[in-house]
Amino acid sequence: MLKENRHSGQEEKEDEDEEEDEEEEEEKSEDEEEDKTKKENEEEKDEDKKEEEKEKVDKEEMDEDEKEGE
């Protein structure tokens, strides 16, 4: 009987450890997903900034061309 109690205590501890590992893995996975999303958003912002800068330069060049043409 005593051996059975010890054995069940061991199994219970292993189950708890397994649950903790699963929770940690899930949190890690969520953190990685969050980091990936942040990175994608930052890259998108950078692309938008580059596009805006390019449009600004193009507009300035067009304005200069119009002035020279007058």
PDB file of N, CA and C in Angstrom:
ATOM      1  N   MET A   1       0.822  -1.192   0.000  1.00  0.00           N
ATOM      2  CA  MET A   1       0.000   0.000   0.000  1.00  0.00           C
ATOM      3  C   MET A   1       0.869   1.261   0.000  1.00  0.00           C
ATOM      4  N   LEU A   2       1.884   1.280   0.824  1.00  0.00           N
ATOM      5  CA  LEU A   2       2.766   2.438   0.907  1.00  0.00           C
ATOM      6  C   LEU A   2       3.480   2.668  -0.428  1.00  0.00           C
ATOM      7  N   LYS A   3       3.911   1.591  -1.079  1.00  0.00           N
ATOM      8  CA  LYS A   3       4.567   1.714  -2.373  1.00  0.00           C
ATOM      9  C   LYS A   3       3.615   2.316  -3.407  1.00  0.00           C
ATOM     10  N   GLU A   4       2.344   1.909  -3.348  1.00  0.00           N
ATOM     11  CA  GLU A   4       1.358   2.440  -4.292  1.00  0.00           C
ATOM     12  C   GLU A   4       1.188   3.944  -4.088  1.00  0.00           C
ATOM     13  N   ASN A   5       1.144   4.394  -2.853  1.00  0.00           N
ATOM     14  CA  ASN A   5       1.006   5.819  -2.561  1.00  0.00           C
ATOM     15  C   ASN A   5       2.203   6.603  -3.085  1.00  0.00           C
ATOM     16  N   ARG A   6       3.383   6.040  -2.885  1.00  0.00           N
ATOM     17  CA  ARG A   6       4.583   6.707  -3.388  1.00  0.00           C
ATOM     18  C   ARG A   6       4.561   6.763  -4.905  1.00  0.00           C
ATOM     19  N   HIS A   7       4.133   5.660  -5.493  1.00  0.00           N
ATOM     20  CA  HIS A   7       4.079   5.580  -6.950  1.00  0.00           C
ATOM     21  C   HIS A   7       3.082   6.612  -7.494  1.00  0.00           C
ATOM     22  N   SER A   8       1.916   6.719  -6.851  1.00  0.00           N
ATOM     23  CA  SER A   8       0.940   7.692  -7.319  1.00  0.00           C
ATOM     24  C   SER A   8       1.426   9.114  -7.094  1.00  0.00           C
ATOM     25  N   GLY A   9       2.147   9.340  -6.013  1.00  0.00           N
ATOM     26  CA  GLY A   9       2.721  10.669  -5.779  1.00  0.00           C
ATOM     27  C   GLY A   9       3.716  11.019  -6.869  1.00  0.00           C
ATOM     28  N   GLN A  10       4.485  10.020  -7.270  1.00  0.00           N
ATOM     29  CA  GLN A  10       5.467  10.229  -8.348  1.00  0.00           C
ATOM     30  C   GLN A  10       4.751  10.552  -9.659  1.00  0.00           C
ATOM     31  N   GLU A  11       3.705   9.793  -9.959  1.00  0.00           N
ATOM     32  CA  GLU A  11       2.952  10.041 -11.193  1.00  0.00           C
ATOM     33  C   GLU A  11       2.318  11.428 -11.162  1.00  0.00           C
ATOM     34  N   GLU A  12       1.784  11.812 -10.002  1.00  0.00           N
ATOM     35  CA  GLU A  12       1.159  13.129  -9.872  1.00  0.00           C
ATOM     36  C   GLU A  12       2.197  14.216 -10.118  1.00  0.00           C
ATOM     37  N   LYS A  13       3.381  14.054  -9.548  1.00  0.00           N
ATOM     38  CA  LYS A  13       4.458  15.039  -9.745  1.00  0.00           C
ATOM     39  C   LYS A  13       4.835  15.107 -11.222  1.00  0.00           C
ATOM     40  N   GLU A  14       4.943  13.957 -11.869  1.00  0.00           N
ATOM     41  CA  GLU A  14       5.290  13.931 -13.289  1.00  0.00           C
ATOM     42  C   GLU A  14       4.204  14.624 -14.118  1.00  0.00           C
ATOM     43  N   ASP A  15       2.935  14.390 -13.759  1.00  0.00           N
ATOM     44  CA  ASP A  15       1.833  15.044 -14.468  1.00  0.00           C
ATOM     45  C   ASP A  15       1.910  16.561 -14.310  1.00  0.00           C
ATOM     46  N   GLU A  16       2.198  17.017 -13.075  1.00  0.00           N
ATOM     47  CA  GLU A  16       2.317  18.459 -12.821  1.00  0.00           C
ATOM     48  C   GLU A  16       3.472  19.041 -13.620  1.00  0.00           C
ATOM     49  N   ASP A  17       4.597  18.332 -13.618  1.00  0.00           N
ATOM     50  CA  ASP A  17       5.761  18.797 -14.383  1.00  0.00           C
ATOM     51  C   ASP A  17       5.438  18.886 -15.868  1.00  0.00           C
ATOM     52  N   GLU A  18       4.719  17.893 -16.357  1.00  0.00           N
ATOM     53  CA  GLU A  18       4.346  17.869 -17.763  1.00  0.00           C
ATOM     54  C   GLU A  18       3.418  19.047 -18.093  1.00  0.00           C
ATOM     55  N   GLU A  19       2.471  19.314 -17.197  1.00  0.00           N
ATOM     56  CA  GLU A  19       1.563  20.445 -17.412  1.00  0.00           C
ATOM     57  C   GLU A  19       2.336  21.759 -17.429  1.00  0.00           C
ATOM     58  N   GLU A  20       3.286  21.912 -16.493  1.00  0.00           N
ATOM     59  CA  GLU A  20       4.107  23.122 -16.450  1.00  0.00           C
ATOM     60  C   GLU A  20       4.897  23.279 -17.740  1.00  0.00           C
ATOM     61  N   ASP A  21       5.470  22.180 -18.216  1.00  0.00           N
ATOM     62  CA  ASP A  21       6.234  22.229 -19.464  1.00  0.00           C
ATOM     63  C   ASP A  21       5.347  22.659 -20.628  1.00  0.00           C
ATOM     64  N   GLU A  22       4.135  22.115 -20.668  1.00  0.00           N
ATOM     65  CA  GLU A  22       3.212  22.476 -21.745  1.00  0.00           C
ATOM     66  C   GLU A  22       2.843  23.955 -21.669  1.00  0.00           C
ATOM     67  N   GLU A  23       2.602  24.449 -20.450  1.00  0.00           N
ATOM     68  CA  GLU A  23       2.261  25.867 -20.279  1.00  0.00           C
ATOM     69  C   GLU A  23       3.422  26.756 -20.709  1.00  0.00           C
ATOM     70  N   GLU A  24       4.638  26.376 -20.310  1.00  0.00           N
ATOM     71  CA  GLU A  24       5.816  27.146 -20.692  1.00  0.00           C
ATOM     72  C   GLU A  24       5.984  27.153 -22.211  1.00  0.00           C
ATOM     73  N   GLU A  25       5.779  26.005 -22.819  1.00  0.00           N
ATOM     74  CA  GLU A  25       5.897  25.891 -24.279  1.00  0.00           C
ATOM     75  C   GLU A  25       4.858  26.773 -24.972  1.00  0.00           C
ATOM     76  N   GLU A  26       3.640  26.771 -24.428  1.00  0.00           N
ATOM     77  CA  GLU A  26       2.571  27.586 -24.994  1.00  0.00           C
ATOM     78  C   GLU A  26       2.900  29.076 -24.864  1.00  0.00           C
ATOM     79  N   GLU A  27       3.392  29.488 -23.692  1.00  0.00           N
ATOM     80  CA  GLU A  27       3.765  30.887 -23.485  1.00  0.00           C
ATOM     81  C   GLU A  27       4.894  31.280 -24.432  1.00  0.00           C
ATOM     82  N   LYS A  28       5.865  30.405 -24.579  1.00  0.00           N
ATOM     83  CA  LYS A  28       6.998  30.664 -25.471  1.00  0.00           C
ATOM     84  C   LYS A  28       6.495  30.844 -26.905  1.00  0.00           C
ATOM     85  N   SER A  29       5.587  29.973 -27.294  1.00  0.00           N
ATOM     86  CA  SER A  29       5.020  30.031 -28.633  1.00  0.00           C
ATOM     87  C   SER A  29       4.258  31.350 -28.841  1.00  0.00           C
ATOM     88  N   GLU A  30       3.483  31.754 -27.829  1.00  0.00           N
ATOM     89  CA  GLU A  30       2.742  33.014 -27.919  1.00  0.00           C
ATOM     90  C   GLU A  30       3.699  34.191 -28.009  1.00  0.00           C
ATOM     91  N   ASP A  31       4.778  34.167 -27.216  1.00  0.00           N
ATOM     92  CA  ASP A  31       5.771  35.237 -27.245  1.00  0.00           C
ATOM     93  C   ASP A  31       6.436  35.322 -28.619  1.00  0.00           C
ATOM     94  N   GLU A  32       6.762  34.162 -29.180  1.00  0.00           N
ATOM     95  CA  GLU A  32       7.393  34.143 -30.501  1.00  0.00           C
ATOM     96  C   GLU A  32       6.446  34.719 -31.554  1.00  0.00           C
ATOM     97  N   GLU A  33       5.173  34.356 -31.453  1.00  0.00           N
ATOM     98  CA  GLU A  33       4.168  34.862 -32.396  1.00  0.00           C
ATOM     99  C   GLU A  33       4.036  36.377 -32.255  1.00  0.00           C
ATOM    100  N   GLU A  34       4.041  36.852 -31.008  1.00  0.00           N
ATOM    101  CA  GLU A  34       3.936  38.285 -30.744  1.00  0.00           C
ATOM    102  C   GLU A  34       5.159  39.018 -31.314  1.00  0.00           C
ATOM    103  N   ASP A  35       6.350  38.458 -31.097  1.00  0.00           N
ATOM    104  CA  ASP A  35       7.572  39.059 -31.627  1.00  0.00           C
ATOM    105  C   ASP A  35       7.534  39.107 -33.153  1.00  0.00           C
ATOM    106  N   LYS A  36       7.052  38.032 -33.750  1.00  0.00           N
ATOM    107  CA  LYS A  36       6.965  37.964 -35.211  1.00  0.00           C
ATOM    108  C   LYS A  36       6.011  39.039 -35.730  1.00  0.00           C
ATOM    109  N   THR A  37       4.874  39.194 -35.057  1.00  0.00           N
ATOM    110  CA  THR A  37       3.889  40.198 -35.459  1.00  0.00           C
ATOM    111  C   THR A  37       4.477  41.601 -35.317  1.00  0.00           C
ATOM    112  N   LYS A  38       5.166  41.855 -34.208  1.00  0.00           N
ATOM    113  CA  LYS A  38       5.796  43.168 -34.001  1.00  0.00           C
ATOM    114  C   LYS A  38       6.800  43.461 -35.111  1.00  0.00           C
ATOM    115  N   LYS A  39       7.603  42.461 -35.426  1.00  0.00           N
ATOM    116  CA  LYS A  39       8.622  42.627 -36.469  1.00  0.00           C
ATOM    117  C   LYS A  39       7.966  42.929 -37.815  1.00  0.00           C
ATOM    118  N   GLU A  40       6.896  42.194 -38.130  1.00  0.00           N
ATOM    119  CA  GLU A  40       6.188  42.427 -39.392  1.00  0.00           C
ATOM    120  C   GLU A  40       5.616  43.841 -39.430  1.00  0.00           C
ATOM    121  N   ASN A  41       5.055  44.291 -38.312  1.00  0.00           N
ATOM    122  CA  ASN A  41       4.493  45.644 -38.249  1.00  0.00           C
ATOM    123  C   ASN A  41       5.575  46.700 -38.430  1.00  0.00           C
ATOM    124  N   GLU A  42       6.739  46.486 -37.799  1.00  0.00           N
ATOM    125  CA  GLU A  42       7.847  47.424 -37.944  1.00  0.00           C
ATOM    126  C   GLU A  42       8.335  47.470 -39.392  1.00  0.00           C
ATOM    127  N   GLU A  43       8.426  46.298 -40.023  1.00  0.00           N
ATOM    128  CA  GLU A  43       8.870  46.245 -41.418  1.00  0.00           C
ATOM    129  C   GLU A  43       7.866  46.966 -42.315  1.00  0.00           C
ATOM    130  N   GLU A  44       6.585  46.790 -42.010  1.00  0.00           N
ATOM    131  CA  GLU A  44       5.545  47.453 -42.789  1.00  0.00           C
ATOM    132  C   GLU A  44       5.655  48.976 -42.631  1.00  0.00           C
ATOM    133  N   LYS A  45       5.900  49.439 -41.413  1.00  0.00           N
ATOM    134  CA  LYS A  45       6.062  50.876 -41.165  1.00  0.00           C
ATOM    135  C   LYS A  45       7.265  51.413 -41.940  1.00  0.00           C
ATOM    136  N   ASP A  46       8.374  50.646 -41.912  1.00  0.00           N
ATOM    137  CA  ASP A  46       9.578  51.058 -42.634  1.00  0.00           C
ATOM    138  C   ASP A  46       9.294  51.169 -44.129  1.00  0.00           C
ATOM    139  N   GLU A  47       8.565  50.188 -44.664  1.00  0.00           N
ATOM    140  CA  GLU A  47       8.211  50.209 -46.086  1.00  0.00           C
ATOM    141  C   GLU A  47       7.348  51.438 -46.396  1.00  0.00           C
ATOM    142  N   ASP A  48       6.381  51.715 -45.527  1.00  0.00           N
ATOM    143  CA  ASP A  48       5.511  52.880 -45.722  1.00  0.00           C
ATOM    144  C   ASP A  48       6.331  54.169 -45.706  1.00  0.00           C
ATOM    145  N   LYS A  49       7.286  54.256 -44.774  1.00  0.00           N
ATOM    146  CA  LYS A  49       8.139  55.448 -44.689  1.00  0.00           C
ATOM    147  C   LYS A  49       8.953  55.611 -45.966  1.00  0.00           C
ATOM    148  N   LYS A  50       9.525  54.515 -46.443  1.00  0.00           N
ATOM    149  CA  LYS A  50      10.328  54.567 -47.673  1.00  0.00           C
ATOM    150  C   LYS A  50       9.460  55.010 -48.848  1.00  0.00           C
ATOM    151  N   GLU A  51       8.250  54.473 -48.913  1.00  0.00           N
ATOM    152  CA  GLU A  51       7.334  54.816 -49.998  1.00  0.00           C
ATOM    153  C   GLU A  51       6.963  56.302 -49.938  1.00  0.00           C
ATOM    154  N   GLU A  52       6.664  56.787 -48.729  1.00  0.00           N
ATOM    155  CA  GLU A  52       6.322  58.208 -48.564  1.00  0.00           C
ATOM    156  C   GLU A  52       7.491  59.094 -48.971  1.00  0.00           C
ATOM    157  N   GLU A  53       8.701  58.702 -48.568  1.00  0.00           N
ATOM    158  CA  GLU A  53       9.899  59.481 -48.899  1.00  0.00           C
ATOM    159  C   GLU A  53      10.107  59.504 -50.418  1.00  0.00           C
ATOM    160  N   LYS A  54       9.902  58.353 -51.040  1.00  0.00           N
ATOM    161  CA  LYS A  54      10.057  58.257 -52.494  1.00  0.00           C
ATOM    162  C   LYS A  54       9.031  59.149 -53.198  1.00  0.00           C
ATOM    163  N   GLU A  55       7.799  59.113 -52.735  1.00  0.00           N
ATOM    164  CA  GLU A  55       6.754  59.953 -53.328  1.00  0.00           C
ATOM    165  C   GLU A  55       7.089  61.432 -53.147  1.00  0.00           C
ATOM    166  N   LYS A  56       7.610  61.771 -51.990  1.00  0.00           N
ATOM    167  CA  LYS A  56       7.975  63.167 -51.716  1.00  0.00           C
ATOM    168  C   LYS A  56       9.083  63.621 -52.682  1.00  0.00           C
ATOM    169  N   VAL A  57      10.091  62.771 -52.847  1.00  0.00           N
ATOM    170  CA  VAL A  57      11.201  63.093 -53.751  1.00  0.00           C
ATOM    171  C   VAL A  57      10.684  63.201 -55.186  1.00  0.00           C
ATOM    172  N   ASP A  58       9.831  62.260 -55.597  1.00  0.00           N
ATOM    173  CA  ASP A  58       9.269  62.299 -56.950  1.00  0.00           C
ATOM    174  C   ASP A  58       8.486  63.589 -57.170  1.00  0.00           C
ATOM    175  N   LYS A  59       7.702  63.998 -56.187  1.00  0.00           N
ATOM    176  CA  LYS A  59       6.905  65.224 -56.310  1.00  0.00           C
ATOM    177  C   LYS A  59       7.818  66.446 -56.422  1.00  0.00           C
ATOM    178  N   GLU A  60       8.861  66.458 -55.602  1.00  0.00           N
ATOM    179  CA  GLU A  60       9.805  67.579 -55.657  1.00  0.00           C
ATOM    180  C   GLU A  60      10.474  67.650 -57.027  1.00  0.00           C
ATOM    181  N   GLU A  61      10.844  66.511 -57.568  1.00  0.00           N
ATOM    182  CA  GLU A  61      11.469  66.475 -58.893  1.00  0.00           C
ATOM    183  C   GLU A  61      10.491  66.960 -59.957  1.00  0.00           C
ATOM    184  N   MET A  62       9.224  66.546 -59.843  1.00  0.00           N
ATOM    185  CA  MET A  62       8.220  66.988 -60.810  1.00  0.00           C
ATOM    186  C   MET A  62       8.019  68.503 -60.706  1.00  0.00           C
ATOM    187  N   ASP A  63       7.987  69.034 -59.493  1.00  0.00           N
ATOM    188  CA  ASP A  63       7.837  70.480 -59.296  1.00  0.00           C
ATOM    189  C   ASP A  63       9.016  71.232 -59.908  1.00  0.00           C
ATOM    190  N   GLU A  64      10.218  70.701 -59.740  1.00  0.00           N
ATOM    191  CA  GLU A  64      11.407  71.333 -60.312  1.00  0.00           C
ATOM    192  C   GLU A  64      11.349  71.302 -61.840  1.00  0.00           C
ATOM    193  N   ASP A  65      10.921  70.171 -62.386  1.00  0.00           N
ATOM    194  CA  ASP A  65      10.811  70.040 -63.841  1.00  0.00           C
ATOM    195  C   ASP A  65       9.798  71.048 -64.388  1.00  0.00           C
ATOM    196  N   GLU A  66       8.687  71.233 -63.680  1.00  0.00           N
ATOM    197  CA  GLU A  66       7.669  72.193 -64.116  1.00  0.00           C
ATOM    198  C   GLU A  66       8.224  73.613 -64.091  1.00  0.00           C
ATOM    199  N   LYS A  67       8.992  73.945 -63.070  1.00  0.00           N
ATOM    200  CA  LYS A  67       9.567  75.290 -62.963  1.00  0.00           C
ATOM    201  C   LYS A  67      10.560  75.530 -64.089  1.00  0.00           C
ATOM    202  N   GLU A  68      11.356  74.528 -64.401  1.00  0.00           N
ATOM    203  CA  GLU A  68      12.337  74.665 -65.479  1.00  0.00           C
ATOM    204  C   GLU A  68      11.644  74.784 -66.830  1.00  0.00           C
ATOM    205  N   GLY A  69      10.516  74.150 -66.988  1.00  0.00           N
ATOM    206  CA  GLY A  69       9.780  74.161 -68.241  1.00  0.00           C
ATOM    207  C   GLY A  69       9.092  75.498 -68.492  1.00  0.00           C
ATOM    208  N   GLU A  70       8.872  76.283 -67.473  1.00  0.00           N
ATOM    209  CA  GLU A  70       8.160  77.560 -67.637  1.00  0.00           C
ATOM    210  C   GLU A  70       8.971  78.624 -68.275  1.00  0.00           C
TER     211      GLU A  70
END
